[in-house]
Amino acid sequence: MDVESIGNRGKARFNHLQEDLEGISPKTLTDALKILQKEKLISRESYNEIPPRVEYYLTEDGKTLREAIVPLLKWTVERDINTRECTFPCRNVPNNSKRISLK
């Protein structure tokens, strides 16, 4: 899950996060959001509307984590890691991964 996706949006609804994280199952996303909430990296806000609306946003700890991680993500993009062959024998990940949006 992705602190970066929520960070790019400010506040994000479940479906927007699922769109940003192509291919993630609803259960996996729900589990990841619960973990991030438990770690106090994101908060969840429910609105008493019909249909119900829930938004997720970064806490202060989440914002500081994002500030720390973004330079590392930019570094990997600059090195063009996604097009290189992985040299670690324990990893067999395709090199056509979706690029990370760094706003």
Protein backbone atom coordinates (compact mmCIF):
# COMPACT_ATOMS: atom_id res chain seq x y z
CA MET A 1 0.00 0.00 0.00
CA ASP A 2 0.92 3.19 -0.69
CA VAL A 3 1.50 6.24 1.34
CA GLU A 4 2.57 7.87 -1.92
CA SER A 5 -0.85 7.44 -3.54
CA ILE A 6 -2.67 9.05 -0.63
CA GLY A 7 0.04 11.72 -0.40
CA ASN A 8 -0.45 12.68 -4.05
CA ARG A 9 -4.19 13.11 -3.57
CA GLY A 10 -4.36 14.72 -0.12
CA LYS A 11 -7.50 12.74 0.67
CA ALA A 12 -8.43 9.62 -1.25
CA ARG A 13 -11.44 7.37 -1.47
CA PHE A 14 -11.10 3.59 -1.59
CA ASN A 15 -11.92 3.33 -5.31
CA HIS A 16 -9.37 6.01 -6.20
CA LEU A 17 -6.69 4.13 -4.28
CA GLN A 18 -7.66 0.90 -6.01
CA GLU A 19 -7.35 2.63 -9.40
CA ASP A 20 -3.93 4.04 -8.46
CA LEU A 21 -2.73 0.60 -7.38
CA GLU A 22 -3.64 -1.32 -10.52
CA GLY A 23 -4.34 -4.98 -9.92
CA ILE A 24 -4.68 -4.85 -6.12
CA SER A 25 -7.62 -6.82 -4.81
CA PRO A 26 -10.18 -5.08 -2.58
CA LYS A 27 -9.27 -7.40 0.32
CA THR A 28 -5.55 -6.70 0.00
CA LEU A 29 -6.20 -2.95 -0.15
CA THR A 30 -8.52 -3.13 2.88
CA ASP A 31 -5.93 -5.12 4.85
CA ALA A 32 -3.16 -2.66 3.91
CA LEU A 33 -5.29 0.35 4.90
CA LYS A 34 -6.03 -1.25 8.28
CA ILE A 35 -2.30 -1.82 8.89
CA LEU A 36 -1.45 1.76 7.91
CA GLN A 37 -4.19 3.01 10.25
CA LYS A 38 -2.92 0.81 13.08
CA GLU A 39 0.59 2.21 12.55
CA LYS A 40 -0.94 5.72 12.60
CA LEU A 41 0.36 6.57 9.13
CA ILE A 42 -3.11 7.27 7.72
CA SER A 43 -6.50 8.23 9.14
CA ARG A 44 -9.95 7.35 7.94
CA GLU A 45 -12.83 9.81 7.86
CA SER A 46 -16.43 8.62 7.40
CA TYR A 47 -19.19 10.92 6.22
CA ASN A 48 -22.81 10.32 7.13
CA GLU A 49 -24.11 10.39 3.57
CA ILE A 50 -26.02 8.14 1.24
CA PRO A 51 -24.21 6.42 -0.33
CA PRO A 52 -21.63 6.32 2.47
CA ARG A 53 -18.38 8.14 1.80
CA VAL A 54 -15.03 7.31 3.39
CA GLU A 55 -11.77 9.15 2.78
CA TYR A 56 -8.23 8.33 3.82
CA TYR A 57 -5.49 10.87 4.45
CA LEU A 58 -1.95 11.01 5.81
CA THR A 59 -1.35 11.69 9.49
CA GLU A 60 1.61 13.82 10.54
CA ASP A 61 3.69 10.63 10.88
CA GLY A 62 2.55 9.59 7.40
CA LYS A 63 3.60 12.95 5.99
CA THR A 64 7.07 12.71 7.53
CA LEU A 65 7.43 9.14 6.22
CA ARG A 66 6.43 10.36 2.76
CA GLU A 67 9.00 13.17 2.94
CA ALA A 68 11.66 10.60 3.82
CA ILE A 69 10.68 8.08 1.12
CA VAL A 70 10.12 10.38 -1.87
CA PRO A 71 13.85 11.09 -2.40
CA LEU A 72 14.54 7.34 -2.47
CA LEU A 73 11.74 6.79 -5.00
CA LYS A 74 13.06 9.62 -7.18
CA TRP A 75 16.53 8.09 -7.01
CA THR A 76 15.22 4.74 -8.27
CA VAL A 77 13.34 6.40 -11.13
CA GLU A 78 16.42 8.39 -12.13
CA ARG A 79 18.43 5.16 -12.24
CA ASP A 80 15.71 3.66 -14.43
CA ILE A 81 15.49 0.58 -12.22
CA ASN A 82 12.32 -0.70 -13.94
CA THR A 83 14.18 -1.41 -17.21
CA ARG A 84 17.20 -3.15 -15.72
CA GLU A 85 17.65 -6.85 -15.21
CA CYS A 86 17.37 -7.80 -11.54
CA THR A 87 20.67 -9.25 -10.31
CA PHE A 88 19.29 -10.79 -7.13
CA PRO A 89 18.60 -14.52 -7.56
CA CYS A 90 15.73 -14.41 -5.07
CA ARG A 91 13.74 -11.99 -7.25
CA ASN A 92 11.98 -12.90 -10.43
CA VAL A 93 9.92 -9.77 -11.00
CA PRO A 94 8.96 -8.64 -14.49
CA ASN A 95 10.61 -5.38 -15.58
CA ASN A 96 7.36 -3.88 -16.89
CA SER A 97 6.21 -2.52 -13.52
CA LYS A 98 4.11 0.62 -13.49
CA ARG A 99 6.15 3.74 -12.82
CA ILE A 100 5.61 5.57 -9.55
CA SER A 101 4.06 9.03 -9.76
CA LEU A 102 6.24 11.51 -7.87
CA LYS A 103 4.45 14.84 -7.69
